[in-house]
Amino acid sequence: MLQSCGLASAKILVVGGGGTARAAVYASKSLNADVYIHNRTREKAELLASEFKCFSLPTLEDEKLEFNVIINTVVSSVNWKAPDHLLRNKPVIIDAVFVSFKVYSDPLELSSESECFT
């Protein structure tokens, strides 16, 4: 279905280099998209790009860069923001950030903190 939406020929930027980025790259490559990876640690981006046979971008400063889809996998504490020039052509933005949740061993602990019923 996604291939019928034109994602098979899309240029996709994945921001990050961890497990969520790996999953995003895998899914994007399975659609035969052109995938580019940017990470604050250049070596991590290059390693992931090499593994999945896609492109690594050490910087996003080039004003000519354009993507159809931008997938952010960077934790919110990093406060990553897409440079304005990447938003010019109105790409689809996917915020695929893994959030760690507190594990509750007692359902009553959950209900007392969130004011919900168990």
Foldseek 3Di string as FASTA:
>chain_A
DVVVVVLLAWEEEEEAQDDLSLVVLVVSVVSNYQYEYEYCPQVSRVVSCVVSVHHYDPDPPPLPDEGQEYEYADACVVVDDDPPSHCVVPHHYHDNYDDDDDDDPDVVVVCVVVVDDD
